[in-house]
């Protein structure tokens, strides 16, 4: 499973990052705004899991499901 974490290091980004760390989820982090724009990402944080891009709310729920 390939996971990319799109972040600008904002407070919500840090919340999601901390959750993934606690759940021991391995991911790559991307802070490149140009890459985010090319993928149509308009707000962060976002997670891309095997090509599926999730906004913060969806990513939060996904990680929460992994933690359980």
PDB file of N, CA and C in Angstrom:
ATOM      1  N   UNK A   1       0.839  -1.161   0.000  1.00  0.00           N
ATOM      2  CA  UNK A   1       0.000   0.000   0.000  1.00  0.00           C
ATOM      3  C   UNK A   1       0.895   1.239   0.000  1.00  0.00           C
ATOM      4  N   UNK A   2       0.655   2.142  -0.946  1.00  0.00           N
ATOM      5  CA  UNK A   2       1.431   3.378  -1.019  1.00  0.00           C
ATOM      6  C   UNK A   2       0.587   4.524  -0.465  1.00  0.00           C
ATOM      7  N   UNK A   3       1.157   5.235   0.519  1.00  0.00           N
ATOM      8  CA  UNK A   3       0.454   6.345   1.155  1.00  0.00           C
ATOM      9  C   UNK A   3       1.302   7.605   1.025  1.00  0.00           C
ATOM     10  N   UNK A   4       0.690   8.665   0.483  1.00  0.00           N
ATOM     11  CA  UNK A   4       1.352   9.963   0.388  1.00  0.00           C
ATOM     12  C   UNK A   4       0.547  10.950   1.213  1.00  0.00           C
ATOM     13  N   UNK A   5       1.231  11.661   2.087  1.00  0.00           N
ATOM     14  CA  UNK A   5       0.643  12.658   2.974  1.00  0.00           C
ATOM     15  C   UNK A   5       0.977  14.036   2.419  1.00  0.00           C
ATOM     16  N   UNK A   6      -0.032  14.765   1.949  1.00  0.00           N
ATOM     17  CA  UNK A   6       0.155  16.112   1.410  1.00  0.00           C
ATOM     18  C   UNK A   6      -0.063  17.098   2.541  1.00  0.00           C
ATOM     19  N   UNK A   7       0.950  17.919   2.806  1.00  0.00           N
ATOM     20  CA  UNK A   7       0.943  18.751   4.000  1.00  0.00           C
ATOM     21  C   UNK A   7       1.651  20.078   3.763  1.00  0.00           C
ATOM     22  N   UNK A   8       1.198  21.096   4.495  1.00  0.00           N
ATOM     23  CA  UNK A   8       1.920  22.367   4.564  1.00  0.00           C
ATOM     24  C   UNK A   8       2.380  22.625   5.996  1.00  0.00           C
ATOM     25  N   UNK A   9       2.252  21.606   6.848  1.00  0.00           N
ATOM     26  CA  UNK A   9       2.644  21.655   8.255  1.00  0.00           C
ATOM     27  C   UNK A   9       1.717  22.551   9.080  1.00  0.00           C
ATOM     28  N   UNK A  10       0.476  22.705   8.623  1.00  0.00           N
ATOM     29  CA  UNK A  10      -0.523  23.492   9.348  1.00  0.00           C
ATOM     30  C   UNK A  10      -1.006  22.695  10.569  1.00  0.00           C
ATOM     31  N   UNK A  11      -1.783  23.307  11.469  1.00  0.00           N
ATOM     32  CA  UNK A  11      -2.259  22.564  12.647  1.00  0.00           C
ATOM     33  C   UNK A  11      -3.039  21.288  12.309  1.00  0.00           C
ATOM     34  N   UNK A  12      -3.911  21.319  11.301  1.00  0.00           N
ATOM     35  CA  UNK A  12      -4.642  20.099  10.928  1.00  0.00           C
ATOM     36  C   UNK A  12      -3.688  19.049  10.372  1.00  0.00           C
ATOM     37  N   UNK A  13      -2.677  19.492   9.627  1.00  0.00           N
ATOM     38  CA  UNK A  13      -1.681  18.559   9.092  1.00  0.00           C
ATOM     39  C   UNK A  13      -0.989  17.834  10.238  1.00  0.00           C
ATOM     40  N   UNK A  14      -0.666  18.567  11.284  1.00  0.00           N
ATOM     41  CA  UNK A  14       0.042  17.962  12.420  1.00  0.00           C
ATOM     42  C   UNK A  14      -0.844  16.974  13.173  1.00  0.00           C
ATOM     43  N   UNK A  15      -2.137  17.265  13.245  1.00  0.00           N
ATOM     44  CA  UNK A  15      -3.074  16.327  13.883  1.00  0.00           C
ATOM     45  C   UNK A  15      -3.064  14.999  13.140  1.00  0.00           C
ATOM     46  N   UNK A  16      -3.214  15.067  11.807  1.00  0.00           N
ATOM     47  CA  UNK A  16      -3.243  13.851  11.001  1.00  0.00           C
ATOM     48  C   UNK A  16      -1.905  13.124  11.060  1.00  0.00           C
ATOM     49  N   UNK A  17      -0.828  13.870  11.021  1.00  0.00           N
ATOM     50  CA  UNK A  17       0.506  13.274  11.104  1.00  0.00           C
ATOM     51  C   UNK A  17       0.686  12.531  12.435  1.00  0.00           C
ATOM     52  N   UNK A  18       0.262  13.148  13.535  1.00  0.00           N
ATOM     53  CA  UNK A  18       0.372  12.498  14.851  1.00  0.00           C
ATOM     54  C   UNK A  18      -0.462  11.225  14.909  1.00  0.00           C
ATOM     55  N   UNK A  19      -1.655  11.263  14.329  1.00  0.00           N
ATOM     56  CA  UNK A  19      -2.506  10.074  14.293  1.00  0.00           C
ATOM     57  C   UNK A  19      -1.830   8.938  13.530  1.00  0.00           C
ATOM     58  N   UNK A  20      -1.239   9.276  12.375  1.00  0.00           N
ATOM     59  CA  UNK A  20      -0.581   8.240  11.570  1.00  0.00           C
ATOM     60  C   UNK A  20       0.638   7.672  12.287  1.00  0.00           C
ATOM     61  N   UNK A  21       1.356   8.526  13.009  1.00  0.00           N
ATOM     62  CA  UNK A  21       2.511   8.066  13.769  1.00  0.00           C
ATOM     63  C   UNK A  21       2.075   7.097  14.864  1.00  0.00           C
ATOM     64  N   UNK A  22       1.016   7.459  15.595  1.00  0.00           N
ATOM     65  CA  UNK A  22       0.502   6.575  16.654  1.00  0.00           C
ATOM     66  C   UNK A  22       0.033   5.235  16.087  1.00  0.00           C
ATOM     67  N   UNK A  23      -0.553   5.269  14.889  1.00  0.00           N
ATOM     68  CA  UNK A  23      -1.057   4.036  14.265  1.00  0.00           C
ATOM     69  C   UNK A  23       0.046   3.266  13.538  1.00  0.00           C
ATOM     70  N   UNK A  24       1.274   3.800  13.567  1.00  0.00           N
ATOM     71  CA  UNK A  24       2.434   3.177  12.910  1.00  0.00           C
ATOM     72  C   UNK A  24       2.213   2.995  11.404  1.00  0.00           C
ATOM     73  N   UNK A  25       1.591   4.012  10.781  1.00  0.00           N
ATOM     74  CA  UNK A  25       1.350   4.005   9.336  1.00  0.00           C
ATOM     75  C   UNK A  25       2.566   4.611   8.652  1.00  0.00           C
ATOM     76  N   UNK A  26       3.142   3.869   7.724  1.00  0.00           N
ATOM     77  CA  UNK A  26       4.283   4.372   6.965  1.00  0.00           C
ATOM     78  C   UNK A  26       3.768   5.154   5.771  1.00  0.00           C
ATOM     79  N   UNK A  27       4.369   6.325   5.529  1.00  0.00           N
ATOM     80  CA  UNK A  27       3.912   7.204   4.451  1.00  0.00           C
ATOM     81  C   UNK A  27       5.063   8.060   3.943  1.00  0.00           C
ATOM     82  N   UNK A  28       4.859   8.591   2.743  1.00  0.00           N
ATOM     83  CA  UNK A  28       5.761   9.600   2.196  1.00  0.00           C
ATOM     84  C   UNK A  28       5.081  10.940   2.410  1.00  0.00           C
ATOM     85  N   UNK A  29       5.861  11.973   2.681  1.00  0.00           N
ATOM     86  CA  UNK A  29       5.283  13.307   2.849  1.00  0.00           C
ATOM     87  C   UNK A  29       5.633  14.166   1.649  1.00  0.00           C
ATOM     88  N   UNK A  30       4.641  14.900   1.150  1.00  0.00           N
ATOM     89  CA  UNK A  30       4.852  15.823   0.042  1.00  0.00           C
ATOM     90  C   UNK A  30       4.424  17.212   0.489  1.00  0.00           C
ATOM     91  N   UNK A  31       5.351  18.169   0.399  1.00  0.00           N
ATOM     92  CA  UNK A  31       5.071  19.553   0.751  1.00  0.00           C
ATOM     93  C   UNK A  31       5.125  20.461  -0.476  1.00  0.00           C
ATOM     94  N   UNK A  32       5.196  19.877  -1.657  1.00  0.00           N
ATOM     95  CA  UNK A  32       5.338  20.628  -2.901  1.00  0.00           C
ATOM     96  C   UNK A  32       3.968  21.097  -3.404  1.00  0.00           C
ATOM     97  N   UNK A  33       3.742  22.405  -3.318  1.00  0.00           N
ATOM     98  CA  UNK A  33       2.459  22.998  -3.714  1.00  0.00           C
ATOM     99  C   UNK A  33       2.158  22.729  -5.195  1.00  0.00           C
ATOM    100  N   UNK A  34       3.175  22.738  -6.043  1.00  0.00           N
ATOM    101  CA  UNK A  34       2.961  22.481  -7.472  1.00  0.00           C
ATOM    102  C   UNK A  34       2.436  21.069  -7.712  1.00  0.00           C
ATOM    103  N   UNK A  35       2.976  20.108  -6.982  1.00  0.00           N
ATOM    104  CA  UNK A  35       2.500  18.720  -7.101  1.00  0.00           C
ATOM    105  C   UNK A  35       1.049  18.639  -6.640  1.00  0.00           C
ATOM    106  N   UNK A  36       0.750  19.292  -5.516  1.00  0.00           N
ATOM    107  CA  UNK A  36      -0.619  19.286  -4.998  1.00  0.00           C
ATOM    108  C   UNK A  36      -1.584  19.899  -6.008  1.00  0.00           C
ATOM    109  N   UNK A  37      -1.208  21.032  -6.583  1.00  0.00           N
ATOM    110  CA  UNK A  37      -2.055  21.679  -7.599  1.00  0.00           C
ATOM    111  C   UNK A  37      -2.267  20.780  -8.804  1.00  0.00           C
ATOM    112  N   UNK A  38      -1.231  20.062  -9.219  1.00  0.00           N
ATOM    113  CA  UNK A  38      -1.352  19.189 -10.388  1.00  0.00           C
ATOM    114  C   UNK A  38      -2.314  18.030 -10.133  1.00  0.00           C
ATOM    115  N   UNK A  39      -2.495  17.675  -8.868  1.00  0.00           N
ATOM    116  CA  UNK A  39      -3.421  16.594  -8.503  1.00  0.00           C
ATOM    117  C   UNK A  39      -4.806  17.122  -8.136  1.00  0.00           C
ATOM    118  N   UNK A  40      -4.979  18.450  -8.220  1.00  0.00           N
ATOM    119  CA  UNK A  40      -6.279  19.042  -7.909  1.00  0.00           C
ATOM    120  C   UNK A  40      -6.534  19.216  -6.423  1.00  0.00           C
ATOM    121  N   UNK A  41      -5.503  19.133  -5.624  1.00  0.00           N
ATOM    122  CA  UNK A  41      -5.652  19.303  -4.179  1.00  0.00           C
ATOM    123  C   UNK A  41      -5.733  20.792  -3.880  1.00  0.00           C
ATOM    124  N   UNK A  42      -6.859  21.197  -3.283  1.00  0.00           N
ATOM    125  CA  UNK A  42      -7.088  22.612  -3.012  1.00  0.00           C
ATOM    126  C   UNK A  42      -6.919  22.963  -1.533  1.00  0.00           C
ATOM    127  N   UNK A  43      -6.919  21.961  -0.669  1.00  0.00           N
ATOM    128  CA  UNK A  43      -6.693  22.210   0.753  1.00  0.00           C
ATOM    129  C   UNK A  43      -5.965  21.011   1.347  1.00  0.00           C
ATOM    130  N   UNK A  44      -5.256  21.264   2.422  1.00  0.00           N
ATOM    131  CA  UNK A  44      -4.499  20.211   3.085  1.00  0.00           C
ATOM    132  C   UNK A  44      -4.962  20.121   4.529  1.00  0.00           C
ATOM    133  N   UNK A  45      -4.712  19.033   5.182  1.00  0.00           N
ATOM    134  CA  UNK A  45      -3.980  17.867   4.721  1.00  0.00           C
ATOM    135  C   UNK A  45      -4.843  16.949   3.864  1.00  0.00           C
ATOM    136  N   UNK A  46      -4.172  16.190   3.034  1.00  0.00           N
ATOM    137  CA  UNK A  46      -4.811  15.146   2.233  1.00  0.00           C
ATOM    138  C   UNK A  46      -3.936  13.907   2.303  1.00  0.00           C
ATOM    139  N   UNK A  47      -4.584  12.783   2.149  1.00  0.00           N
ATOM    140  CA  UNK A  47      -3.862  11.517   2.035  1.00  0.00           C
ATOM    141  C   UNK A  47      -4.189  10.903   0.692  1.00  0.00           C
ATOM    142  N   UNK A  48      -3.187  10.358   0.062  1.00  0.00           N
ATOM    143  CA  UNK A  48      -3.406   9.575  -1.151  1.00  0.00           C
ATOM    144  C   UNK A  48      -3.025   8.138  -0.818  1.00  0.00           C
ATOM    145  N   UNK A  49      -4.013   7.259  -0.872  1.00  0.00           N
ATOM    146  CA  UNK A  49      -3.797   5.854  -0.564  1.00  0.00           C
ATOM    147  C   UNK A  49      -4.063   5.059  -1.831  1.00  0.00           C
ATOM    148  N   UNK A  50      -2.998   4.488  -2.392  1.00  0.00           N
ATOM    149  CA  UNK A  50      -3.092   3.717  -3.635  1.00  0.00           C
ATOM    150  C   UNK A  50      -3.869   4.472  -4.714  1.00  0.00           C
ATOM    151  N   UNK A  51      -3.589   5.778  -4.863  1.00  0.00           N
ATOM    152  CA  UNK A  51      -4.197   6.579  -5.924  1.00  0.00           C
ATOM    153  C   UNK A  51      -5.498   7.250  -5.546  1.00  0.00           C
ATOM    154  N   UNK A  52      -6.072   6.918  -4.396  1.00  0.00           N
ATOM    155  CA  UNK A  52      -7.323   7.522  -3.940  1.00  0.00           C
ATOM    156  C   UNK A  52      -7.003   8.690  -3.005  1.00  0.00           C
ATOM    157  N   UNK A  53      -7.376   9.914  -3.399  1.00  0.00           N
ATOM    158  CA  UNK A  53      -7.082  11.097  -2.593  1.00  0.00           C
ATOM    159  C   UNK A  53      -8.246  11.386  -1.653  1.00  0.00           C
ATOM    160  N   UNK A  54      -7.905  11.540  -0.365  1.00  0.00           N
ATOM    161  CA  UNK A  54      -8.904  11.808   0.673  1.00  0.00           C
ATOM    162  C   UNK A  54      -8.651  13.176   1.297  1.00  0.00           C
ATOM    163  N   UNK A  55      -9.728  13.929   1.527  1.00  0.00           N
ATOM    164  CA  UNK A  55      -9.600  15.195   2.242  1.00  0.00           C
ATOM    165  C   UNK A  55      -9.372  14.909   3.728  1.00  0.00           C
ATOM    166  N   UNK A  56      -9.225  15.966   4.528  1.00  0.00           N
ATOM    167  CA  UNK A  56      -8.908  15.794   5.939  1.00  0.00           C
ATOM    168  C   UNK A  56      -9.933  14.930   6.660  1.00  0.00           C
ATOM    169  N   UNK A  57     -11.216  15.221   6.459  1.00  0.00           N
ATOM    170  CA  UNK A  57     -12.265  14.479   7.159  1.00  0.00           C
ATOM    171  C   UNK A  57     -12.220  12.991   6.818  1.00  0.00           C
ATOM    172  N   UNK A  58     -12.117  12.677   5.538  1.00  0.00           N
ATOM    173  CA  UNK A  58     -12.055  11.273   5.110  1.00  0.00           C
ATOM    174  C   UNK A  58     -10.778  10.603   5.596  1.00  0.00           C
ATOM    175  N   UNK A  59      -9.655  11.325   5.515  1.00  0.00           N
ATOM    176  CA  UNK A  59      -8.378  10.768   5.963  1.00  0.00           C
ATOM    177  C   UNK A  59      -8.396  10.518   7.468  1.00  0.00           C
ATOM    178  N   UNK A  60      -8.984  11.447   8.218  1.00  0.00           N
ATOM    179  CA  UNK A  60      -9.109  11.309   9.671  1.00  0.00           C
ATOM    180  C   UNK A  60      -9.865  10.026  10.008  1.00  0.00           C
ATOM    181  N   UNK A  61     -10.992   9.796   9.326  1.00  0.00           N
ATOM    182  CA  UNK A  61     -11.798   8.595   9.558  1.00  0.00           C
ATOM    183  C   UNK A  61     -11.029   7.333   9.145  1.00  0.00           C
ATOM    184  N   UNK A  62     -10.307   7.403   8.042  1.00  0.00           N
ATOM    185  CA  UNK A  62      -9.551   6.248   7.561  1.00  0.00           C
ATOM    186  C   UNK A  62      -8.480   5.845   8.581  1.00  0.00           C
ATOM    187  N   UNK A  63      -7.727   6.846   9.054  1.00  0.00           N
ATOM    188  CA  UNK A  63      -6.668   6.563  10.034  1.00  0.00           C
ATOM    189  C   UNK A  63      -7.289   6.058  11.337  1.00  0.00           C
ATOM    190  N   UNK A  64      -8.389   6.655  11.742  1.00  0.00           N
ATOM    191  CA  UNK A  64      -9.073   6.226  12.959  1.00  0.00           C
ATOM    192  C   UNK A  64      -9.473   4.742  12.857  1.00  0.00           C
ATOM    193  N   UNK A  65      -9.895   4.318  11.667  1.00  0.00           N
ATOM    194  CA  UNK A  65     -10.237   2.921  11.439  1.00  0.00           C
ATOM    195  C   UNK A  65      -9.043   2.000  11.533  1.00  0.00           C
ATOM    196  N   UNK A  66      -7.870   2.489  11.129  1.00  0.00           N
ATOM    197  CA  UNK A  66      -6.636   1.707  11.224  1.00  0.00           C
ATOM    198  C   UNK A  66      -6.225   1.568  12.688  1.00  0.00           C
ATOM    199  N   UNK A  67      -6.397   2.658  13.455  1.00  0.00           N
ATOM    200  CA  UNK A  67      -6.004   2.655  14.873  1.00  0.00           C
ATOM    201  C   UNK A  67      -6.840   1.677  15.694  1.00  0.00           C
ATOM    202  N   UNK A  68      -8.086   1.481  15.299  1.00  0.00           N
ATOM    203  CA  UNK A  68      -9.005   0.662  16.105  1.00  0.00           C
ATOM    204  C   UNK A  68      -8.622  -0.796  16.153  1.00  0.00           C
TER     205      UNK A  68
END
